[in-house]
Amino acid sequence: MYSTWRAFADAHYYAAPYVSPFYSPCLAERCAPMRGGPNWELLGGWWGISPAIIILIFPLGFRLTCYYYRKAYYRGFWASPPACAVAEPHQKYTGETRFPLILQNLHRYFFYAALLVAGILTYDTVLAFRDEHYEWGHMGLGTLVFLVNIVLIWAYTLSCHSCRHIVGGKLKHFSKHPVRYRMWQWVGKLNARHMQLAWASLVSVALADFYVYLVASGVFDDPVLF
């Protein structure tokens, strides 16, 4: 609900040098000017709604098709599987072979989009080491908020099952591919915490947006650490 409200709000998403992760990259001409930020003005003045609607398609698609979230809402809303020793409520099990669940197979492609989004948010985090006058070498409380968020975003993205398959899938002999085997082990450790990282990153990205909202709306000034 919070993300929906903020996505349609189309306001208070930039407070120099911070830009809300819901509105980055800027895709519309009428976006608040973000000096040095990822401004990709692909949508002209004809675009009449919040540009965040376009941006959030990709992280939302990534999370909706995520294996952990699938398990959660399959069990919670459809009781498929019921996760206990009772009969299935459905007469015939079709898995993800029919519409709309066949669209879950797009997850591997949403993973690549999620990598791009994480890269952009990393760039935004680097820009957060400036002050409100765009001078480098400064750090505010918002910088810490952004740092925590980007670490959790990367950890969740790289813990994805698709990432694990990409780095270590189709290998018959790990001994012949030591680098990919080591990467597969690292991703496997993250994958074991996929559920925790999914929720932690979901909370952190909302908190990062909320922090920008509070500063941009004038509730308080960003405390400067140095």
C-alpha atoms as a PDB file:
ATOM      1  CA  MET A   1       0.000   0.000   0.000  1.00  0.00           C
ATOM      2  CA  TYR A   2       2.807   2.395   0.851  1.00  0.00           C
ATOM      3  CA  SER A   3       4.591   1.772  -2.446  1.00  0.00           C
ATOM      4  CA  THR A   4       1.363   2.305  -4.382  1.00  0.00           C
ATOM      5  CA  TRP A   5       0.744   5.636  -2.662  1.00  0.00           C
ATOM      6  CA  ARG A   6       4.285   6.844  -3.254  1.00  0.00           C
ATOM      7  CA  ALA A   7       4.340   5.668  -6.856  1.00  0.00           C
ATOM      8  CA  PHE A   8       1.245   7.706  -7.704  1.00  0.00           C
ATOM      9  CA  ALA A   9       2.144  10.687  -5.494  1.00  0.00           C
ATOM     10  CA  ASP A  10       4.604  12.120  -8.037  1.00  0.00           C
ATOM     11  CA  ALA A  11       5.962  14.542  -5.441  1.00  0.00           C
ATOM     12  CA  HIS A  12       8.632  14.874  -2.733  1.00  0.00           C
ATOM     13  CA  TYR A  13      10.974  12.347  -4.322  1.00  0.00           C
ATOM     14  CA  TYR A  14      14.118  14.468  -4.530  1.00  0.00           C
ATOM     15  CA  ALA A  15      16.035  16.322  -1.849  1.00  0.00           C
ATOM     16  CA  ALA A  16      19.577  17.113  -2.976  1.00  0.00           C
ATOM     17  CA  PRO A  17      21.570  14.948  -3.147  1.00  0.00           C
ATOM     18  CA  TYR A  18      19.057  12.151  -2.481  1.00  0.00           C
ATOM     19  CA  VAL A  19      16.595  10.735  -4.988  1.00  0.00           C
ATOM     20  CA  SER A  20      13.935   8.219  -4.033  1.00  0.00           C
ATOM     21  CA  PRO A  21      14.657   4.681  -5.293  1.00  0.00           C
ATOM     22  CA  PHE A  22      11.062   4.627  -6.564  1.00  0.00           C
ATOM     23  CA  TYR A  23      11.807   7.496  -8.959  1.00  0.00           C
ATOM     24  CA  SER A  24      15.257   6.604 -10.218  1.00  0.00           C
ATOM     25  CA  PRO A  25      16.099   6.810 -13.048  1.00  0.00           C
ATOM     26  CA  CYS A  26      14.093   9.896 -13.930  1.00  0.00           C
ATOM     27  CA  LEU A  27      12.200   9.069 -17.130  1.00  0.00           C
ATOM     28  CA  ALA A  28      10.039  12.153 -17.696  1.00  0.00           C
ATOM     29  CA  GLU A  29      10.855  15.702 -18.730  1.00  0.00           C
ATOM     30  CA  ARG A  30       8.906  17.124 -15.826  1.00  0.00           C
ATOM     31  CA  CYS A  31      10.865  15.224 -13.179  1.00  0.00           C
ATOM     32  CA  ALA A  32      12.512  17.280 -10.502  1.00  0.00           C
ATOM     33  CA  PRO A  33      15.991  18.214 -11.773  1.00  0.00           C
ATOM     34  CA  MET A  34      18.578  15.879 -10.310  1.00  0.00           C
ATOM     35  CA  ARG A  35      22.019  17.325 -10.861  1.00  0.00           C
ATOM     36  CA  GLY A  36      24.408  14.572 -11.862  1.00  0.00           C
ATOM     37  CA  GLY A  37      21.709  11.968 -11.368  1.00  0.00           C
ATOM     38  CA  PRO A  38      20.367   9.325 -13.753  1.00  0.00           C
ATOM     39  CA  ASN A  39      18.119  11.595 -15.826  1.00  0.00           C
ATOM     40  CA  TRP A  40      16.798   9.656 -18.806  1.00  0.00           C
ATOM     41  CA  GLU A  41      14.089  11.908 -20.205  1.00  0.00           C
ATOM     42  CA  LEU A  42      12.454   9.307 -22.417  1.00  0.00           C
ATOM     43  CA  LEU A  43       8.908  10.500 -21.737  1.00  0.00           C
ATOM     44  CA  GLY A  44       7.979  13.927 -23.078  1.00  0.00           C
ATOM     45  CA  GLY A  45       5.558  16.493 -21.768  1.00  0.00           C
ATOM     46  CA  TRP A  46       2.666  14.324 -22.946  1.00  0.00           C
ATOM     47  CA  TRP A  47       3.287  11.916 -20.057  1.00  0.00           C
ATOM     48  CA  GLY A  48       0.682  12.909 -17.486  1.00  0.00           C
ATOM     49  CA  ILE A  49       1.136  10.431 -14.640  1.00  0.00           C
ATOM     50  CA  SER A  50       3.935   9.584 -12.261  1.00  0.00           C
ATOM     51  CA  PRO A  51       7.087   8.250 -13.995  1.00  0.00           C
ATOM     52  CA  ALA A  52       7.535   5.869 -11.070  1.00  0.00           C
ATOM     53  CA  ILE A  53       4.772   3.716 -12.566  1.00  0.00           C
ATOM     54  CA  ILE A  54       7.122   2.731 -15.396  1.00  0.00           C
ATOM     55  CA  ILE A  55      10.195   2.301 -13.211  1.00  0.00           C
ATOM     56  CA  LEU A  56       8.547   0.070 -10.610  1.00  0.00           C
ATOM     57  CA  ILE A  57       7.384  -2.449 -13.219  1.00  0.00           C
ATOM     58  CA  PHE A  58      10.822  -4.061 -13.183  1.00  0.00           C
ATOM     59  CA  PRO A  59      11.515  -4.506  -9.440  1.00  0.00           C
ATOM     60  CA  LEU A  60       7.848  -5.414  -8.941  1.00  0.00           C
ATOM     61  CA  GLY A  61       8.024  -8.031 -11.691  1.00  0.00           C
ATOM     62  CA  PHE A  62      11.234  -9.394 -10.200  1.00  0.00           C
ATOM     63  CA  ARG A  63       9.675  -9.773  -6.766  1.00  0.00           C
ATOM     64  CA  LEU A  64       6.317 -11.120  -7.937  1.00  0.00           C
ATOM     65  CA  THR A  65       8.027 -13.887  -9.908  1.00  0.00           C
ATOM     66  CA  CYS A  66      10.622 -14.547  -7.187  1.00  0.00           C
ATOM     67  CA  TYR A  67      10.644 -18.145  -5.963  1.00  0.00           C
ATOM     68  CA  TYR A  68      10.257 -17.139  -2.327  1.00  0.00           C
ATOM     69  CA  TYR A  69       7.348 -14.775  -2.951  1.00  0.00           C
ATOM     70  CA  ARG A  70       5.712 -17.383  -5.166  1.00  0.00           C
ATOM     71  CA  LYS A  71       5.814 -19.846  -2.297  1.00  0.00           C
ATOM     72  CA  ALA A  72       4.336 -17.261   0.051  1.00  0.00           C
ATOM     73  CA  TYR A  73       1.343 -16.249  -2.028  1.00  0.00           C
ATOM     74  CA  TYR A  74       0.738 -19.694  -3.533  1.00  0.00           C
ATOM     75  CA  ARG A  75       0.350 -21.112  -0.044  1.00  0.00           C
ATOM     76  CA  GLY A  76      -1.263 -18.069   1.521  1.00  0.00           C
ATOM     77  CA  PHE A  77      -3.907 -17.284  -1.104  1.00  0.00           C
ATOM     78  CA  TRP A  78      -4.332 -20.412  -3.227  1.00  0.00           C
ATOM     79  CA  ALA A  79      -3.323 -23.170  -0.781  1.00  0.00           C
ATOM     80  CA  SER A  80      -1.263 -24.692  -3.566  1.00  0.00           C
ATOM     81  CA  PRO A  81       0.517 -26.508  -2.076  1.00  0.00           C
ATOM     82  CA  PRO A  82      -1.158 -26.292   1.346  1.00  0.00           C
ATOM     83  CA  ALA A  83       2.204 -26.921   3.097  1.00  0.00           C
ATOM     84  CA  CYS A  84       0.705 -29.569   5.350  1.00  0.00           C
ATOM     85  CA  ALA A  85      -0.505 -33.165   5.143  1.00  0.00           C
ATOM     86  CA  VAL A  86      -3.931 -32.433   3.685  1.00  0.00           C
ATOM     87  CA  ALA A  87      -5.353 -32.862   0.224  1.00  0.00           C
ATOM     88  CA  GLU A  88      -4.918 -30.226  -2.455  1.00  0.00           C
ATOM     89  CA  PRO A  89      -8.025 -28.017  -2.857  1.00  0.00           C
ATOM     90  CA  HIS A  90      -7.670 -28.267  -6.639  1.00  0.00           C
ATOM     91  CA  GLN A  91      -8.811 -31.309  -8.590  1.00  0.00           C
ATOM     92  CA  LYS A  92      -6.023 -31.068 -11.133  1.00  0.00           C
ATOM     93  CA  TYR A  93      -2.537 -29.706 -10.648  1.00  0.00           C
ATOM     94  CA  THR A  94      -1.272 -27.750 -13.649  1.00  0.00           C
ATOM     95  CA  GLY A  95       1.683 -26.014 -12.041  1.00  0.00           C
ATOM     96  CA  GLU A  96       2.959 -23.069 -14.042  1.00  0.00           C
ATOM     97  CA  THR A  97       2.065 -24.408 -17.469  1.00  0.00           C
ATOM     98  CA  ARG A  98      -1.052 -22.294 -18.044  1.00  0.00           C
ATOM     99  CA  PHE A  99      -1.831 -18.600 -18.199  1.00  0.00           C
ATOM    100  CA  PRO A 100      -1.294 -16.566 -16.097  1.00  0.00           C
ATOM    101  CA  LEU A 101       1.189 -18.626 -14.064  1.00  0.00           C
ATOM    102  CA  ILE A 102       3.228 -19.460 -17.145  1.00  0.00           C
ATOM    103  CA  LEU A 103       4.377 -15.829 -16.979  1.00  0.00           C
ATOM    104  CA  GLN A 104       6.392 -16.798 -13.894  1.00  0.00           C
ATOM    105  CA  ASN A 105       8.994 -18.071 -16.350  1.00  0.00           C
ATOM    106  CA  LEU A 106       9.833 -14.438 -17.082  1.00  0.00           C
ATOM    107  CA  HIS A 107      11.661 -14.348 -13.751  1.00  0.00           C
ATOM    108  CA  ARG A 108      15.057 -14.964 -15.330  1.00  0.00           C
ATOM    109  CA  TYR A 109      14.561 -11.909 -17.544  1.00  0.00           C
ATOM    110  CA  PHE A 110      13.347  -9.762 -14.672  1.00  0.00           C
ATOM    111  CA  PHE A 111      16.595 -10.757 -12.953  1.00  0.00           C
ATOM    112  CA  TYR A 112      18.614  -8.931 -15.599  1.00  0.00           C
ATOM    113  CA  ALA A 113      16.361  -5.890 -15.215  1.00  0.00           C
ATOM    114  CA  ALA A 114      16.874  -6.088 -11.452  1.00  0.00           C
ATOM    115  CA  LEU A 115      20.643  -6.011 -11.981  1.00  0.00           C
ATOM    116  CA  LEU A 116      20.253  -2.789 -13.968  1.00  0.00           C
ATOM    117  CA  VAL A 117      18.046  -1.266 -11.267  1.00  0.00           C
ATOM    118  CA  ALA A 118      20.557  -2.248  -8.574  1.00  0.00           C
ATOM    119  CA  GLY A 119      23.333  -0.649 -10.628  1.00  0.00           C
ATOM    120  CA  ILE A 120      21.382   2.609 -10.905  1.00  0.00           C
ATOM    121  CA  LEU A 121      20.658   2.629  -7.173  1.00  0.00           C
ATOM    122  CA  THR A 122      24.369   2.050  -6.554  1.00  0.00           C
ATOM    123  CA  TYR A 123      25.105   5.163  -8.604  1.00  0.00           C
ATOM    124  CA  ASP A 124      22.527   7.078  -6.560  1.00  0.00           C
ATOM    125  CA  THR A 125      24.251   5.904  -3.385  1.00  0.00           C
ATOM    126  CA  VAL A 126      27.605   7.188  -4.637  1.00  0.00           C
ATOM    127  CA  LEU A 127      25.973  10.554  -5.377  1.00  0.00           C
ATOM    128  CA  ALA A 128      24.721  10.590  -1.783  1.00  0.00           C
ATOM    129  CA  PHE A 129      28.287  11.352  -0.673  1.00  0.00           C
ATOM    130  CA  ARG A 130      27.641  14.973  -1.596  1.00  0.00           C
ATOM    131  CA  ASP A 131      25.964  17.758   0.323  1.00  0.00           C
ATOM    132  CA  GLU A 132      22.945  19.809  -0.708  1.00  0.00           C
ATOM    133  CA  HIS A 133      25.265  22.050  -2.742  1.00  0.00           C
ATOM    134  CA  TYR A 134      26.601  19.022  -4.666  1.00  0.00           C
ATOM    135  CA  GLU A 135      30.042  19.250  -3.067  1.00  0.00           C
ATOM    136  CA  TRP A 136      31.807  15.899  -2.763  1.00  0.00           C
ATOM    137  CA  GLY A 137      33.285  14.401   0.388  1.00  0.00           C
ATOM    138  CA  HIS A 138      30.264  14.757   2.639  1.00  0.00           C
ATOM    139  CA  MET A 139      27.996  12.301   4.387  1.00  0.00           C
ATOM    140  CA  GLY A 140      24.582  12.696   5.948  1.00  0.00           C
ATOM    141  CA  LEU A 141      22.186  10.387   7.720  1.00  0.00           C
ATOM    142  CA  GLY A 142      20.549   9.799   4.351  1.00  0.00           C
ATOM    143  CA  THR A 143      23.845   8.452   3.031  1.00  0.00           C
ATOM    144  CA  LEU A 144      23.779   5.748   5.708  1.00  0.00           C
ATOM    145  CA  VAL A 145      20.164   4.941   4.849  1.00  0.00           C
ATOM    146  CA  PHE A 146      21.122   4.582   1.192  1.00  0.00           C
ATOM    147  CA  LEU A 147      24.170   2.443   2.021  1.00  0.00           C
ATOM    148  CA  VAL A 148      22.145  -0.024   4.084  1.00  0.00           C
ATOM    149  CA  ASN A 149      19.506  -0.166   1.374  1.00  0.00           C
ATOM    150  CA  ILE A 150      21.893  -0.831  -1.512  1.00  0.00           C
ATOM    151  CA  VAL A 151      23.706  -3.582   0.407  1.00  0.00           C
ATOM    152  CA  LEU A 152      20.389  -5.332   1.062  1.00  0.00           C
ATOM    153  CA  ILE A 153      19.202  -4.779  -2.518  1.00  0.00           C
ATOM    154  CA  TRP A 154      22.356  -6.378  -3.937  1.00  0.00           C
ATOM    155  CA  ALA A 155      22.252  -9.217  -1.399  1.00  0.00           C
ATOM    156  CA  TYR A 156      18.633 -10.017  -2.288  1.00  0.00           C
ATOM    157  CA  THR A 157      19.219  -9.716  -6.033  1.00  0.00           C
ATOM    158  CA  LEU A 158      22.295 -11.950  -6.005  1.00  0.00           C
ATOM    159  CA  SER A 159      20.603 -14.498  -3.733  1.00  0.00           C
ATOM    160  CA  CYS A 160      18.080 -15.129  -6.514  1.00  0.00           C
ATOM    161  CA  HIS A 161      17.721 -18.720  -7.716  1.00  0.00           C
ATOM    162  CA  SER A 162      18.208 -17.523 -11.294  1.00  0.00           C
ATOM    163  CA  CYS A 163      21.547 -15.994 -10.329  1.00  0.00           C
ATOM    164  CA  ARG A 164      22.594 -19.277  -8.747  1.00  0.00           C
ATOM    165  CA  HIS A 165      21.712 -21.115 -11.952  1.00  0.00           C
ATOM    166  CA  ILE A 166      23.550 -18.588 -14.131  1.00  0.00           C
ATOM    167  CA  VAL A 167      26.836 -18.832 -12.231  1.00  0.00           C
ATOM    168  CA  GLY A 168      26.788 -22.587 -11.630  1.00  0.00           C
ATOM    169  CA  GLY A 169      24.150 -24.161 -13.839  1.00  0.00           C
ATOM    170  CA  LYS A 170      24.884 -26.672 -16.604  1.00  0.00           C
ATOM    171  CA  LEU A 171      28.252 -27.560 -15.064  1.00  0.00           C
ATOM    172  CA  LYS A 172      28.929 -31.291 -14.953  1.00  0.00           C
ATOM    173  CA  HIS A 173      32.361 -31.026 -13.358  1.00  0.00           C
ATOM    174  CA  PHE A 174      32.914 -28.274 -10.807  1.00  0.00           C
ATOM    175  CA  SER A 175      36.617 -29.160 -10.686  1.00  0.00           C
ATOM    176  CA  LYS A 176      37.022 -27.920 -14.266  1.00  0.00           C
ATOM    177  CA  HIS A 177      35.427 -24.568 -13.466  1.00  0.00           C
ATOM    178  CA  PRO A 178      36.884 -23.471 -10.095  1.00  0.00           C
ATOM    179  CA  VAL A 179      35.941 -19.792 -10.486  1.00  0.00           C
ATOM    180  CA  ARG A 180      32.308 -20.491 -11.310  1.00  0.00           C
ATOM    181  CA  TYR A 181      32.209 -23.114  -8.560  1.00  0.00           C
ATOM    182  CA  ARG A 182      33.436 -20.579  -6.016  1.00  0.00           C
ATOM    183  CA  MET A 183      30.877 -18.038  -7.241  1.00  0.00           C
ATOM    184  CA  TRP A 184      28.170 -20.713  -7.036  1.00  0.00           C
ATOM    185  CA  GLN A 185      29.134 -21.380  -3.423  1.00  0.00           C
ATOM    186  CA  TRP A 186      28.945 -17.670  -2.560  1.00  0.00           C
ATOM    187  CA  VAL A 187      25.554 -17.284  -4.204  1.00  0.00           C
ATOM    188  CA  GLY A 188      24.414 -20.476  -2.484  1.00  0.00           C
ATOM    189  CA  LYS A 189      25.174 -18.963   0.924  1.00  0.00           C
ATOM    190  CA  LEU A 190      23.105 -15.911   0.036  1.00  0.00           C
ATOM    191  CA  ASN A 191      20.379 -18.128  -1.392  1.00  0.00           C
ATOM    192  CA  ALA A 192      20.046 -19.884   1.957  1.00  0.00           C
ATOM    193  CA  ARG A 193      18.924 -16.505   3.371  1.00  0.00           C
ATOM    194  CA  HIS A 194      16.732 -15.598   0.403  1.00  0.00           C
ATOM    195  CA  MET A 195      13.572 -15.190   2.479  1.00  0.00           C
ATOM    196  CA  GLN A 196      15.199 -12.938   5.069  1.00  0.00           C
ATOM    197  CA  LEU A 197      16.890 -10.845   2.378  1.00  0.00           C
ATOM    198  CA  ALA A 198      13.619 -10.529   0.460  1.00  0.00           C
ATOM    199  CA  TRP A 199      11.853  -8.962   3.432  1.00  0.00           C
ATOM    200  CA  ALA A 200      14.817  -6.925   4.643  1.00  0.00           C
ATOM    201  CA  SER A 201      15.365  -5.355   1.222  1.00  0.00           C
ATOM    202  CA  LEU A 202      11.634  -4.709   0.813  1.00  0.00           C
ATOM    203  CA  VAL A 203      11.618  -2.772   4.086  1.00  0.00           C
ATOM    204  CA  SER A 204      14.891  -0.959   3.385  1.00  0.00           C
ATOM    205  CA  VAL A 205      13.834   0.365  -0.026  1.00  0.00           C
ATOM    206  CA  ALA A 206      10.585   1.674   1.469  1.00  0.00           C
ATOM    207  CA  LEU A 207      12.500   3.317   4.326  1.00  0.00           C
ATOM    208  CA  ALA A 208      14.922   4.930   1.862  1.00  0.00           C
ATOM    209  CA  ASP A 209      11.996   6.391  -0.063  1.00  0.00           C
ATOM    210  CA  PHE A 210      10.289   7.515   3.151  1.00  0.00           C
ATOM    211  CA  TYR A 211      13.461   9.242   4.316  1.00  0.00           C
ATOM    212  CA  VAL A 212      13.681  11.192   1.051  1.00  0.00           C
ATOM    213  CA  TYR A 213       9.992  12.044   1.376  1.00  0.00           C
ATOM    214  CA  LEU A 214      10.471  13.450   4.883  1.00  0.00           C
ATOM    215  CA  VAL A 215      13.458  15.579   3.875  1.00  0.00           C
ATOM    216  CA  ALA A 216      11.902  16.735   0.594  1.00  0.00           C
ATOM    217  CA  SER A 217       8.625  17.691   2.278  1.00  0.00           C
ATOM    218  CA  GLY A 218      10.447  19.753   4.908  1.00  0.00           C
ATOM    219  CA  VAL A 219       9.674  17.608   7.947  1.00  0.00           C
ATOM    220  CA  PHE A 220      13.339  17.842   8.981  1.00  0.00           C
ATOM    221  CA  ASP A 221      16.739  18.625   7.512  1.00  0.00           C
ATOM    222  CA  ASP A 222      19.162  15.836   6.697  1.00  0.00           C
ATOM    223  CA  PRO A 223      21.609  15.583   9.636  1.00  0.00           C
ATOM    224  CA  VAL A 224      25.148  16.115   8.315  1.00  0.00           C
ATOM    225  CA  LEU A 225      27.755  13.743   9.737  1.00  0.00           C
ATOM    226  CA  PHE A 226      30.727  15.407   8.040  1.00  0.00           C
END
